[in-house]
Amino acid sequence: MKEPHLVLGIGELLWDVLPEGPRLGGAPANFSVMAGRLGSHAAILSRIGRDDLGRKAVDRLDPLPADTSFLQVDPAHETGRVTVAFEDGQPHYTIHEPAAWDFAELSDEWVRLAERADAICFGSLAQRCRESRQTIQTLAAQTSARCIRVFDVNLRAPFYSGEVIQESLELATVIKMNDAEVPLVLGMLGLPLGEGSACEQLRGASERLLDEFPMLEMAAMAACW
């Protein structure tokens, strides 16, 4: 029997504290859970605190098809939290810092996983601190040429920069971003948005990104595609 694909979600594992109560999340962790549901061996590479929220995160993930055995436990920093408030129906995020995932360490175990990975997902938010940024980018660079490397643009002010976007795109083969993030990313890269309808602008943006970053195979940016 063929072994399942090895898929890694690298970055933040956190609790979204909503008005109705806490909900476990983090884009790379969500990616891992969904990959596991599709039959892959999906592992979450993140860091949690030695606290109640960290233990609850593992308890919540245990029945789900995501491997938590590679999670790091930080003795000094708390499990990540994001307070979500709504104003006129729009969410506003307070991403508390520091969080345990800001200090993800580059371990030999994680490097060996990256070298074997068939696909990885990493984002911009978890690169807000130097240590986690170096860990994430090194792991992405350690993957094989056949590995699909998904860069999930997740712009949460003030935790992003043109430098992080540029470096991440150079490592990625797939970019994921929404229509609101497209002009911000192009602006940080010094690329024009173009004219025409929203769909035409997005198609043009895709072409410019593919020209600028030849390793990209696909840009998933607009539902109108």
Protein backbone atom coordinates (compact mmCIF):
# COMPACT_ATOMS: atom_id res chain seq x y z
CA MET A 1 0.00 0.00 0.00
CA LYS A 2 1.29 3.44 -0.92
CA GLU A 3 2.25 5.60 2.04
CA PRO A 4 0.20 8.78 2.56
CA HIS A 5 1.71 12.11 1.60
CA LEU A 6 3.57 13.91 4.36
CA VAL A 7 2.14 17.41 4.79
CA LEU A 8 3.41 19.99 7.30
CA GLY A 9 1.68 23.08 8.66
CA ILE A 10 4.47 25.33 9.97
CA GLY A 11 3.72 28.36 12.10
CA GLU A 12 1.11 29.59 14.51
CA LEU A 13 -1.19 27.43 16.62
CA LEU A 14 -3.40 29.75 18.63
CA TRP A 15 -6.76 30.37 20.22
CA ASP A 16 -9.12 32.90 18.65
CA VAL A 17 -10.96 34.40 21.61
CA LEU A 18 -14.35 35.28 20.11
CA PRO A 19 -17.33 36.92 21.85
CA GLU A 20 -19.02 33.50 21.95
CA GLY A 21 -15.94 31.76 23.33
CA PRO A 22 -12.47 30.50 22.34
CA ARG A 23 -11.86 28.61 19.11
CA LEU A 24 -8.64 26.84 18.20
CA GLY A 25 -7.04 28.06 14.99
CA GLY A 26 -4.00 29.32 13.17
CA ALA A 27 -3.80 29.04 9.38
CA PRO A 28 -1.01 26.42 9.20
CA ALA A 29 -2.71 24.29 11.84
CA ASN A 30 -6.03 24.51 9.97
CA PHE A 31 -4.19 23.48 6.79
CA SER A 32 -2.81 20.40 8.54
CA VAL A 33 -6.20 19.32 9.84
CA MET A 34 -7.77 19.62 6.40
CA ALA A 35 -4.86 17.76 4.77
CA GLY A 36 -5.31 15.00 7.34
CA ARG A 37 -9.01 14.76 6.53
CA LEU A 38 -8.06 14.24 2.89
CA GLY A 39 -5.91 11.24 3.81
CA SER A 40 -2.42 12.72 4.21
CA HIS A 41 -0.12 12.24 7.16
CA ALA A 42 -0.40 15.84 8.32
CA ALA A 43 1.72 17.23 11.14
CA ILE A 44 1.59 20.58 12.93
CA LEU A 45 4.99 22.18 13.53
CA SER A 46 4.33 24.88 16.08
CA ARG A 47 5.07 25.80 19.69
CA ILE A 48 2.66 26.03 22.61
CA GLY A 49 3.06 27.14 26.19
CA ARG A 50 3.21 24.94 29.24
CA ASP A 51 -0.20 26.21 30.30
CA ASP A 52 -3.91 25.38 30.29
CA LEU A 53 -4.41 26.75 26.77
CA GLY A 54 -1.59 24.58 25.47
CA ARG A 55 -3.02 21.46 27.09
CA LYS A 56 -6.49 22.31 25.82
CA ALA A 57 -5.10 22.76 22.30
CA VAL A 58 -3.63 19.25 22.32
CA ASP A 59 -6.86 17.84 23.79
CA ARG A 60 -8.86 19.56 21.06
CA LEU A 61 -6.57 18.25 18.31
CA ASP A 62 -6.27 14.67 19.62
CA PRO A 63 -9.45 13.36 17.94
CA LEU A 64 -8.61 15.16 14.68
CA PRO A 65 -6.44 13.72 11.86
CA ALA A 66 -3.44 15.95 12.59
CA ASP A 67 -0.19 14.74 14.14
CA THR A 68 0.65 16.78 17.26
CA SER A 69 3.63 14.71 18.35
CA PHE A 70 6.08 17.27 16.94
CA LEU A 71 4.70 20.28 18.83
CA GLN A 72 7.28 22.10 20.93
CA VAL A 73 6.44 23.18 24.49
CA ASP A 74 7.79 26.53 25.66
CA PRO A 75 8.46 26.79 29.41
CA ALA A 76 8.55 30.60 29.41
CA HIS A 77 5.95 31.90 26.94
CA GLU A 78 2.19 31.48 26.77
CA THR A 79 0.19 29.68 24.11
CA GLY A 80 -0.86 32.13 21.41
CA ARG A 81 -4.10 34.08 21.71
CA VAL A 82 -5.97 36.45 19.42
CA THR A 83 -8.81 38.54 20.82
CA VAL A 84 -11.45 39.06 18.14
CA ALA A 85 -13.94 41.93 18.44
CA PHE A 86 -16.58 42.95 15.90
CA GLU A 87 -17.48 46.48 14.87
CA ASP A 88 -20.25 46.96 12.29
CA GLY A 89 -19.90 43.29 11.47
CA GLN A 90 -16.16 43.55 10.71
CA PRO A 91 -13.63 41.63 12.82
CA HIS A 92 -10.79 43.41 14.59
CA TYR A 93 -7.86 41.36 15.84
CA THR A 94 -5.61 41.86 18.82
CA ILE A 95 -2.78 39.38 18.35
CA HIS A 96 -1.13 39.12 21.74
CA GLU A 97 2.64 39.02 21.95
CA PRO A 98 4.92 37.45 22.73
CA ALA A 99 3.49 34.00 22.15
CA ALA A 100 5.12 30.58 22.28
CA TRP A 101 5.01 30.21 18.49
CA ASP A 102 7.19 33.32 18.15
CA PHE A 103 10.05 31.20 19.53
CA ALA A 104 9.76 28.07 17.40
CA GLU A 105 13.17 26.41 17.41
CA LEU A 106 14.89 24.77 14.46
CA SER A 107 15.28 21.19 15.66
CA ASP A 108 16.91 18.25 13.88
CA GLU A 109 13.57 16.46 14.09
CA TRP A 110 11.79 19.25 12.24
CA VAL A 111 14.52 19.44 9.60
CA ARG A 112 14.22 15.69 8.91
CA LEU A 113 10.47 16.09 8.46
CA ALA A 114 10.94 19.01 6.08
CA GLU A 115 13.39 17.01 3.97
CA ARG A 116 10.76 14.26 3.54
CA ALA A 117 7.72 16.51 3.12
CA ASP A 118 5.50 16.32 0.04
CA ALA A 119 3.86 19.66 0.86
CA ILE A 120 4.20 22.40 3.45
CA CYS A 121 2.20 25.48 4.36
CA PHE A 122 3.68 28.53 6.04
CA GLY A 123 2.49 32.11 6.42
CA SER A 124 3.57 35.65 7.10
CA LEU A 125 2.12 36.09 10.59
CA ALA A 126 4.35 33.51 12.27
CA GLN A 127 7.40 35.31 10.85
CA ARG A 128 6.86 38.45 12.92
CA CYS A 129 9.77 37.51 15.23
CA ARG A 130 13.34 36.82 14.16
CA GLU A 131 13.61 33.33 15.69
CA SER A 132 10.43 31.90 14.22
CA ARG A 133 11.14 33.62 10.90
CA GLN A 134 14.56 31.96 10.62
CA THR A 135 13.08 28.60 11.60
CA ILE A 136 10.26 28.76 9.05
CA GLN A 137 12.43 29.95 6.17
CA THR A 138 15.14 27.38 6.91
CA LEU A 139 12.58 24.56 6.96
CA ALA A 140 11.10 25.73 3.66
CA ALA A 141 14.58 25.85 2.15
CA GLN A 142 15.31 22.30 3.37
CA THR A 143 12.43 20.77 1.42
CA SER A 144 13.03 18.86 -1.79
CA ALA A 145 12.45 20.27 -5.27
CA ARG A 146 9.30 18.17 -5.62
CA CYS A 147 7.75 19.57 -2.42
CA ILE A 148 4.77 21.88 -2.85
CA ARG A 149 5.46 24.97 -0.73
CA VAL A 150 2.33 27.00 0.00
CA PHE A 151 2.83 30.56 1.21
CA ASP A 152 -0.37 31.71 2.92
CA VAL A 153 -0.31 35.52 2.93
CA ASN A 154 -2.04 36.54 6.15
CA LEU A 155 -1.60 40.28 6.59
CA ARG A 156 -2.35 41.36 10.14
CA ALA A 157 -1.07 44.85 10.91
CA PRO A 158 1.55 45.59 12.10
CA PHE A 159 2.97 42.07 11.73
CA TYR A 160 4.14 42.05 8.13
CA SER A 161 6.73 43.66 5.90
CA GLY A 162 7.83 43.74 2.29
CA GLU A 163 11.01 41.92 3.28
CA VAL A 164 9.12 38.94 4.72
CA ILE A 165 6.78 38.83 1.70
CA GLN A 166 9.72 38.93 -0.73
CA GLU A 167 11.70 36.23 1.07
CA SER A 168 8.66 33.97 1.43
CA LEU A 169 7.69 34.26 -2.23
CA GLU A 170 11.23 33.27 -3.21
CA LEU A 171 10.73 30.04 -1.24
CA ALA A 172 7.17 29.27 -2.35
CA THR A 173 5.70 27.38 -5.28
CA VAL A 174 2.10 28.34 -4.45
CA ILE A 175 0.80 31.63 -3.06
CA LYS A 176 -2.58 32.06 -1.38
CA MET A 177 -4.07 35.49 -0.72
CA ASN A 178 -7.42 37.21 -0.82
CA ASP A 179 -8.47 40.14 -3.02
CA ALA A 180 -7.88 42.69 -0.23
CA GLU A 181 -4.29 41.51 0.20
CA VAL A 182 -3.38 41.68 -3.51
CA PRO A 183 -2.84 45.48 -3.76
CA LEU A 184 -0.94 45.52 -0.46
CA VAL A 185 1.41 42.75 -1.58
CA LEU A 186 1.98 44.33 -5.00
CA GLY A 187 2.66 47.70 -3.37
CA MET A 188 5.24 46.22 -1.00
CA LEU A 189 6.94 44.55 -3.96
CA GLY A 190 6.87 47.71 -6.07
CA LEU A 191 4.61 46.11 -8.70
CA PRO A 192 1.63 47.92 -10.33
CA LEU A 193 -1.91 46.71 -9.74
CA GLY A 194 -3.14 47.55 -13.23
CA GLU A 195 -6.53 48.68 -14.53
CA GLY A 196 -9.89 47.17 -15.39
CA SER A 197 -12.36 45.14 -13.36
CA ALA A 198 -11.41 43.46 -10.11
CA CYS A 199 -10.98 40.13 -11.89
CA GLU A 200 -8.85 41.70 -14.62
CA GLN A 201 -6.67 43.37 -12.00
CA LEU A 202 -6.22 40.07 -10.19
CA ARG A 203 -5.34 38.21 -13.37
CA GLY A 204 -2.81 40.90 -14.20
CA ALA A 205 -1.42 40.75 -10.66
CA SER A 206 -1.02 36.98 -11.01
CA GLU A 207 0.93 37.40 -14.26
CA ARG A 208 3.25 40.01 -12.70
CA LEU A 209 3.91 37.81 -9.68
CA LEU A 210 4.64 34.81 -11.90
CA ASP A 211 7.06 36.91 -13.93
CA GLU A 212 8.76 38.17 -10.78
CA PHE A 213 8.88 34.78 -9.04
CA PRO A 214 9.28 32.02 -11.66
CA MET A 215 9.07 29.22 -9.08
CA LEU A 216 5.42 30.01 -8.41
CA GLU A 217 3.16 27.50 -10.13
CA MET A 218 -0.20 28.98 -9.16
CA ALA A 219 -1.72 32.03 -7.52
CA ALA A 220 -4.98 31.33 -5.73
CA MET A 221 -6.34 34.81 -5.23
CA ALA A 222 -9.90 35.30 -6.40
CA ALA A 223 -13.14 33.40 -6.31
CA CYS A 224 -14.04 34.93 -9.66
CA TRP A 225 -11.40 32.74 -11.30
